[in-house]
Amino acid sequence: MVEFGGWDMPIQYTSVLEEHRACRTAAAVFDVSHLGSLRVQGPGSHARLQAALTNDLDRIAPGRAQYTHLCDPDDGHVVDDIIVWWLDADDYLVMPNASNTDRIAEALGAGAGAAVEGRAGSVVDVTATRVVLAVQGPQARARLEPVLPAAAAVPRFGVAPVTFGAVEGYAAGTGYTGEDGVELHVPAAGARAVWDAVLAAGIVPAGLGCRDTLRLEAGLPLHGHELGPGITPLQAGLAWVVRFDKGDFRGRDVLLAERERGVARRLVGIATEGRQPARQGSAVLVDGTAVGEVTSGNFSPMLGHGIALALVPPQVAVGAAVGIDVRGRTLAGEVVTLPFWSR
């Protein structure tokens, strides 16, 4: 167990490798309650979120989830990447990363003003009242079906209410592993019963260690690594999350200017030779000259060699041979298409 974003979190239950393979081959459950939960409700909620977030809620509807960003209005960097669960008309769950809940709540509240035109509405932090469990893997739905059939049936990026005995919550077809699966948002008082039932269904508990190796194999960004201060959605290869045609939102002007002039760097995947992984902060070399920096690196259990994400100049294209300086030793690598691994 380790401290993570103010929570005590498990690194592993058995081993990172075993849990990683369980998720890739069968099903695993992650306690991801360190994620925040903001309940945004009332008239004007839609306008409030549209004015703050980069993606366009008008592209979805109640009963759907959407990946989006909240950006800094001055330089466009990603303050946080967020999943929005649209539960019902004027009723949303906004789910930020562990340490960002307060600042997202503040941004949504402070941004209400003109966006909601004086109409009522609320942003309430409900993080302490619930638990979030991510059930992931190719057999996740089949194993979950006898326990929570409504959750097993929720479509990818769908949202639906679920009931387990007296426990009432929500499920969404979302996750962070590159596998199919669902995330459960249930009251804290009933979470132990749901957890025990999920384990009894043959779903393996997994910790933060393999959650990181899984998301890295899937080429998914992690806040504080591929997203955060100095890194915009366009640099992170996530331009599809920014809907310039929806109207004004935080950071729109600076992101539009960056799009027009072109990004100075972009996120790429690098496959390295051997088992030794690159680490965050390692220099990326082209012809012996440092041109960029690794943002995340690890050993890939599925591929059997090192993989890394890095920010490099746009001209460093897929197929380019690069080196990574790891404490004075140069690892040979190649820029590859993301994701590193997919089913």
Protein backbone atom coordinates (compact mmCIF):
# COMPACT_ATOMS: atom_id res chain seq x y z
CA MET A 1 0.00 0.00 0.00
CA VAL A 2 1.22 3.51 -0.84
CA GLU A 3 -0.03 7.07 -0.54
CA PHE A 4 -1.44 8.30 -3.85
CA GLY A 5 -3.26 11.61 -4.24
CA GLY A 6 -4.25 11.59 -0.57
CA TRP A 7 -5.45 7.96 -0.63
CA ASP A 8 -3.91 4.70 0.56
CA MET A 9 -3.75 2.60 -2.60
CA PRO A 10 -2.55 -0.93 -3.38
CA ILE A 11 0.44 -1.29 -5.69
CA GLN A 12 -0.22 -5.02 -6.03
CA TYR A 13 -2.13 -7.89 -4.45
CA THR A 14 0.01 -10.76 -5.81
CA SER A 15 2.38 -9.42 -8.47
CA VAL A 16 2.21 -6.72 -11.13
CA LEU A 17 2.90 -9.29 -13.85
CA GLU A 18 0.19 -11.72 -12.70
CA GLU A 19 -2.40 -8.98 -12.39
CA HIS A 20 -1.45 -7.48 -15.75
CA ARG A 21 -1.88 -10.83 -17.49
CA ALA A 22 -5.15 -11.50 -15.67
CA CYS A 23 -6.55 -8.28 -17.11
CA ARG A 24 -5.28 -9.04 -20.60
CA THR A 25 -6.51 -12.64 -20.66
CA ALA A 26 -9.53 -12.79 -18.32
CA ALA A 27 -10.80 -10.08 -15.93
CA ALA A 28 -9.46 -7.86 -13.15
CA VAL A 29 -11.01 -5.31 -10.81
CA PHE A 30 -9.31 -2.09 -9.72
CA ASP A 31 -10.41 0.08 -6.81
CA VAL A 32 -10.08 3.53 -8.41
CA SER A 33 -11.92 5.47 -5.71
CA HIS A 34 -9.04 7.97 -5.70
CA LEU A 35 -10.66 9.45 -8.80
CA GLY A 36 -12.86 12.42 -7.98
CA SER A 37 -16.64 12.59 -8.38
CA LEU A 38 -18.37 15.93 -8.87
CA ARG A 39 -22.15 15.87 -9.20
CA VAL A 40 -23.20 18.70 -11.50
CA GLN A 41 -26.96 19.21 -11.46
CA GLY A 42 -29.69 21.68 -12.21
CA PRO A 43 -30.64 24.10 -14.99
CA GLY A 44 -27.59 25.50 -16.72
CA SER A 45 -25.41 22.44 -16.02
CA HIS A 46 -24.97 21.70 -19.71
CA ALA A 47 -23.90 25.28 -20.46
CA ARG A 48 -21.58 25.29 -17.44
CA LEU A 49 -19.74 22.20 -18.67
CA GLN A 50 -19.67 23.33 -22.31
CA ALA A 51 -18.02 26.61 -21.30
CA ALA A 52 -15.34 24.86 -19.23
CA LEU A 53 -14.45 21.65 -21.10
CA THR A 54 -12.91 21.09 -24.53
CA ASN A 55 -15.12 18.33 -25.92
CA ASP A 56 -18.68 18.88 -27.12
CA LEU A 57 -21.47 17.39 -25.02
CA ASP A 58 -23.86 17.95 -27.92
CA ARG A 59 -22.12 15.04 -29.65
CA ILE A 60 -23.56 12.68 -27.01
CA ALA A 61 -26.78 12.52 -24.92
CA PRO A 62 -28.04 11.32 -21.52
CA GLY A 63 -26.96 7.75 -20.94
CA ARG A 64 -23.53 8.31 -22.49
CA ALA A 65 -20.01 9.13 -21.25
CA GLN A 66 -17.41 11.40 -22.83
CA TYR A 67 -13.65 11.90 -22.47
CA THR A 68 -12.70 15.58 -22.28
CA HIS A 69 -10.13 18.08 -20.99
CA LEU A 70 -10.14 21.18 -18.84
CA CYS A 71 -7.40 23.50 -20.08
CA ASP A 72 -5.61 26.50 -18.68
CA PRO A 73 -7.02 29.71 -20.22
CA ASP A 74 -3.58 31.34 -20.48
CA ASP A 75 -1.36 28.72 -22.13
CA GLY A 76 -3.78 25.90 -23.00
CA HIS A 77 -2.05 23.20 -20.96
CA VAL A 78 -4.21 20.32 -19.73
CA VAL A 79 -5.19 21.06 -16.14
CA ASP A 80 -6.88 17.66 -16.09
CA ASP A 81 -8.35 15.01 -18.32
CA ILE A 82 -11.84 14.03 -17.28
CA ILE A 83 -14.64 11.57 -17.97
CA VAL A 84 -18.15 13.02 -17.89
CA TRP A 85 -21.02 10.60 -17.21
CA TRP A 86 -24.28 12.14 -18.45
CA LEU A 87 -26.78 10.49 -16.13
CA ASP A 88 -29.97 12.33 -17.03
CA ALA A 89 -31.18 15.74 -18.14
CA ASP A 90 -29.30 18.37 -16.10
CA ASP A 91 -27.51 15.64 -14.13
CA TYR A 92 -23.84 14.76 -14.65
CA LEU A 93 -20.99 12.99 -12.89
CA VAL A 94 -17.69 14.72 -13.66
CA MET A 95 -14.73 12.52 -12.79
CA PRO A 96 -11.31 14.20 -12.51
CA ASN A 97 -7.98 12.71 -11.49
CA ALA A 98 -7.06 12.08 -7.87
CA SER A 99 -5.35 15.32 -6.90
CA ASN A 100 -7.30 17.66 -9.18
CA THR A 101 -10.84 17.44 -7.79
CA ASP A 102 -10.73 20.72 -5.88
CA ARG A 103 -9.34 22.73 -8.77
CA ILE A 104 -11.87 21.26 -11.21
CA ALA A 105 -14.71 22.05 -8.80
CA GLU A 106 -13.39 25.58 -8.49
CA ALA A 107 -13.10 25.97 -12.26
CA LEU A 108 -16.65 24.75 -12.82
CA GLY A 109 -18.03 26.95 -10.09
CA ALA A 110 -16.03 30.03 -11.05
CA GLY A 111 -16.95 29.55 -14.68
CA ALA A 112 -20.68 29.49 -14.06
CA GLY A 113 -21.47 33.24 -14.32
CA ALA A 114 -22.35 34.16 -17.86
CA ALA A 115 -22.26 30.55 -18.97
CA VAL A 116 -25.43 29.69 -17.05
CA GLU A 117 -27.01 33.13 -17.44
CA GLY A 118 -27.91 33.36 -13.79
CA ARG A 119 -29.81 30.07 -13.69
CA ALA A 120 -29.63 27.77 -10.69
CA GLY A 121 -27.36 24.77 -10.56
CA SER A 122 -24.82 23.11 -8.31
CA VAL A 123 -21.40 21.46 -8.32
CA VAL A 124 -21.06 19.12 -5.33
CA ASP A 125 -18.03 16.99 -4.46
CA VAL A 126 -19.44 13.52 -3.67
CA THR A 127 -16.07 11.72 -3.70
CA ALA A 128 -16.21 10.75 -0.01
CA THR A 129 -19.65 9.15 -0.36
CA ARG A 130 -18.91 6.55 -3.05
CA VAL A 131 -16.49 3.93 -4.35
CA VAL A 132 -15.44 3.45 -7.99
CA LEU A 133 -14.52 -0.05 -9.16
CA ALA A 134 -13.14 -0.70 -12.65
CA VAL A 135 -13.81 -4.22 -13.95
CA GLN A 136 -11.63 -4.75 -17.02
CA GLY A 137 -10.62 -7.54 -19.39
CA PRO A 138 -11.90 -9.68 -22.28
CA GLN A 139 -14.03 -11.75 -19.87
CA ALA A 140 -15.10 -8.81 -17.67
CA ARG A 141 -18.68 -8.64 -18.90
CA ALA A 142 -19.23 -12.40 -18.93
CA ARG A 143 -18.03 -12.79 -15.34
CA LEU A 144 -19.89 -9.69 -14.17
CA GLU A 145 -23.20 -10.69 -15.77
CA PRO A 146 -24.42 -13.06 -13.00
CA VAL A 147 -23.61 -10.41 -10.36
CA LEU A 148 -24.60 -7.14 -12.04
CA PRO A 149 -26.38 -7.89 -15.32
CA ALA A 150 -27.23 -4.25 -15.99
CA ALA A 151 -23.56 -3.31 -15.66
CA ALA A 152 -22.46 -6.16 -17.91
CA ALA A 153 -24.91 -4.96 -20.57
CA VAL A 154 -23.92 -1.28 -20.61
CA PRO A 155 -22.40 -0.44 -24.02
CA ARG A 156 -18.98 1.07 -24.55
CA PHE A 157 -19.14 4.67 -23.30
CA GLY A 158 -22.73 4.07 -22.21
CA VAL A 159 -24.02 4.92 -18.72
CA ALA A 160 -26.80 3.11 -16.86
CA PRO A 161 -28.19 2.78 -13.32
CA VAL A 162 -27.35 -0.51 -11.57
CA THR A 163 -28.69 -2.25 -8.48
CA PHE A 164 -27.05 -4.89 -6.29
CA GLY A 165 -29.50 -5.85 -3.56
CA ALA A 166 -30.16 -2.58 -1.74
CA VAL A 167 -27.13 -0.89 -3.32
CA GLU A 168 -28.03 1.54 -6.10
CA GLY A 169 -25.39 3.15 -8.29
CA TYR A 170 -24.24 3.63 -11.88
CA ALA A 171 -22.11 1.80 -14.41
CA ALA A 172 -20.28 3.14 -17.45
CA GLY A 173 -18.59 1.32 -20.32
CA THR A 174 -15.30 3.06 -19.66
CA GLY A 175 -11.82 2.09 -18.46
CA TYR A 176 -8.10 2.78 -18.61
CA THR A 177 -6.49 -0.49 -19.65
CA GLY A 178 -7.03 -0.88 -23.39
CA GLU A 179 -9.48 -3.70 -22.63
CA ASP A 180 -13.26 -3.86 -22.70
CA GLY A 181 -14.97 -3.44 -19.35
CA VAL A 182 -17.07 -1.24 -17.09
CA GLU A 183 -16.62 1.10 -14.17
CA LEU A 184 -19.00 0.95 -11.19
CA HIS A 185 -19.91 4.04 -9.16
CA VAL A 186 -21.58 2.78 -5.97
CA PRO A 187 -22.31 4.21 -2.49
CA ALA A 188 -19.45 3.66 -0.06
CA ALA A 189 -21.78 2.00 2.45
CA GLY A 190 -22.54 -0.84 0.02
CA ALA A 191 -19.20 -1.04 -1.76
CA ARG A 192 -17.77 -3.91 0.31
CA ALA A 193 -20.68 -6.16 -0.67
CA VAL A 194 -20.21 -5.31 -4.36
CA TRP A 195 -16.44 -5.86 -4.13
CA ASP A 196 -16.87 -9.27 -2.48
CA ALA A 197 -19.42 -10.33 -5.11
CA VAL A 198 -17.11 -9.25 -7.94
CA LEU A 199 -14.22 -11.27 -6.47
CA ALA A 200 -16.51 -14.27 -5.95
CA ALA A 201 -17.31 -14.13 -9.67
CA GLY A 202 -13.67 -14.98 -10.42
CA ILE A 203 -12.48 -11.45 -11.14
CA VAL A 204 -8.91 -10.87 -9.92
CA PRO A 205 -8.10 -7.82 -7.73
CA ALA A 206 -5.39 -5.65 -9.27
CA GLY A 207 -3.39 -2.63 -8.09
CA LEU A 208 -1.81 0.56 -9.34
CA GLY A 209 1.31 -1.22 -10.62
CA CYS A 210 -0.35 -3.11 -13.44
CA ARG A 211 -2.84 -0.31 -14.05
CA ASP A 212 0.17 1.73 -15.17
CA THR A 213 1.69 -0.99 -17.37
CA LEU A 214 -1.71 -1.68 -18.93
CA ARG A 215 -2.41 1.96 -19.79
CA LEU A 216 1.12 2.38 -21.15
CA GLU A 217 0.76 -0.62 -23.47
CA ALA A 218 -2.52 0.94 -24.64
CA GLY A 219 -0.76 4.27 -25.28
CA LEU A 220 -3.05 6.13 -22.86
CA PRO A 221 -1.85 9.38 -21.25
CA LEU A 222 -1.37 9.83 -17.51
CA HIS A 223 -1.78 13.23 -15.89
CA GLY A 224 1.57 14.40 -14.53
CA HIS A 225 3.35 12.53 -17.33
CA GLU A 226 1.76 13.01 -20.77
CA LEU A 227 -0.64 15.71 -19.61
CA GLY A 228 -0.14 18.63 -17.25
CA PRO A 229 1.77 21.93 -17.07
CA GLY A 230 3.31 22.85 -20.40
CA ILE A 231 1.52 20.10 -22.35
CA THR A 232 -1.52 20.91 -24.48
CA PRO A 233 -4.02 18.43 -25.94
CA LEU A 234 -2.58 19.07 -29.41
CA GLN A 235 0.95 18.17 -28.27
CA ALA A 236 -0.40 15.03 -26.58
CA GLY A 237 -1.96 13.83 -29.85
CA LEU A 238 -5.46 14.40 -28.50
CA ALA A 239 -6.69 17.09 -30.89
CA TRP A 240 -9.93 15.09 -31.32
CA VAL A 241 -10.85 16.02 -27.74
CA VAL A 242 -10.87 19.73 -28.66
CA ARG A 243 -14.02 20.79 -30.51
CA PHE A 244 -13.30 24.27 -31.79
CA ASP A 245 -16.64 24.41 -33.61
CA LYS A 246 -18.82 24.13 -30.49
CA GLY A 247 -18.37 27.73 -29.33
CA ASP A 248 -16.19 29.31 -26.69
CA PHE A 249 -14.52 27.35 -23.87
CA ARG A 250 -11.55 27.73 -21.53
CA GLY A 251 -8.32 27.92 -23.50
CA ARG A 252 -9.96 27.94 -26.94
CA ASP A 253 -8.10 30.98 -28.31
CA VAL A 254 -4.62 29.82 -27.30
CA LEU A 255 -5.26 26.28 -28.57
CA LEU A 256 -6.59 27.62 -31.86
CA ALA A 257 -3.43 29.72 -32.25
CA GLU A 258 -1.28 26.65 -31.56
CA ARG A 259 -3.19 24.63 -34.15
CA GLU A 260 -2.67 27.35 -36.76
CA ARG A 261 1.10 27.69 -36.20
CA GLY A 262 1.69 23.96 -35.62
CA VAL A 263 2.88 22.20 -32.49
CA ALA A 264 6.53 22.46 -31.50
CA ARG A 265 6.53 18.91 -30.13
CA ARG A 266 4.26 15.89 -30.10
CA LEU A 267 3.77 12.67 -28.17
CA VAL A 268 5.09 9.47 -29.75
CA GLY A 269 5.58 5.86 -28.81
CA ILE A 270 9.06 4.32 -28.69
CA ALA A 271 9.79 0.59 -28.60
CA THR A 272 13.20 -0.20 -27.12
CA GLU A 273 15.40 -3.26 -27.39
CA GLY A 274 15.74 -5.57 -24.40
CA ARG A 275 13.98 -5.62 -21.07
CA GLN A 276 15.49 -2.50 -19.49
CA PRO A 277 12.87 0.26 -19.49
CA ALA A 278 13.36 3.95 -20.08
CA ARG A 279 12.11 6.23 -17.33
CA GLN A 280 10.39 9.59 -17.13
CA GLY A 281 12.85 12.40 -17.79
CA SER A 282 15.28 10.35 -19.90
CA ALA A 283 16.55 12.22 -22.95
CA VAL A 284 15.51 11.05 -26.42
CA LEU A 285 18.45 11.17 -28.84
CA VAL A 286 18.58 11.46 -32.63
CA ASP A 287 22.08 10.95 -34.05
CA GLY A 288 23.41 11.38 -30.51
CA THR A 289 21.75 14.75 -29.93
CA ALA A 290 19.01 15.20 -27.32
CA VAL A 291 15.78 16.28 -29.03
CA GLY A 292 13.07 15.29 -26.57
CA GLU A 293 12.17 13.66 -23.28
CA VAL A 294 10.52 10.45 -22.10
CA THR A 295 7.25 11.05 -20.25
CA SER A 296 6.57 7.40 -19.25
CA GLY A 297 8.49 4.18 -19.67
CA ASN A 298 8.24 0.58 -18.51
CA PHE A 299 8.65 -3.05 -19.49
CA SER A 300 5.76 -4.40 -21.55
CA PRO A 301 4.60 -7.77 -20.17
CA MET A 302 2.75 -8.58 -23.42
CA LEU A 303 5.50 -7.56 -25.85
CA GLY A 304 8.51 -8.62 -23.79
CA HIS A 305 10.56 -5.44 -24.27
CA GLY A 306 10.68 -1.84 -23.11
CA ILE A 307 8.15 0.77 -24.26
CA ALA A 308 8.04 4.50 -23.69
CA LEU A 309 6.01 7.59 -24.46
CA ALA A 310 7.99 10.73 -25.26
CA LEU A 311 7.60 14.32 -26.41
CA VAL A 312 9.76 14.98 -29.48
CA PRO A 313 9.84 17.42 -32.42
CA PRO A 314 7.17 16.76 -35.09
CA GLN A 315 9.77 15.72 -37.68
CA VAL A 316 10.71 12.64 -35.63
CA ALA A 317 8.32 10.33 -37.45
CA VAL A 318 7.17 6.73 -37.10
CA GLY A 319 10.02 4.44 -38.12
CA ALA A 320 12.75 6.80 -36.94
CA ALA A 321 15.66 5.25 -35.07
CA VAL A 322 16.27 6.94 -31.72
CA GLY A 323 18.27 6.41 -28.58
CA ILE A 324 17.21 6.92 -24.98
CA ASP A 325 19.81 7.99 -22.42
CA VAL A 326 19.27 5.95 -19.26
CA ARG A 327 21.86 7.01 -16.68
CA GLY A 328 24.60 7.26 -19.27
CA ARG A 329 23.66 4.13 -21.20
CA THR A 330 21.92 4.53 -24.56
CA LEU A 331 18.97 2.24 -25.25
CA ALA A 332 18.29 1.67 -28.95
CA GLY A 333 14.72 2.36 -29.95
CA GLU A 334 12.30 3.01 -32.79
CA VAL A 335 9.34 5.36 -33.01
CA VAL A 336 6.25 3.19 -33.49
CA THR A 337 2.54 3.65 -34.07
CA LEU A 338 0.38 3.73 -30.95
CA PRO A 339 -1.02 1.80 -29.20
CA PHE A 340 1.90 -0.50 -28.48
CA TRP A 341 -0.49 -3.40 -27.89
CA SER A 342 -4.09 -3.94 -28.91
CA ARG A 343 -6.42 -6.88 -29.06
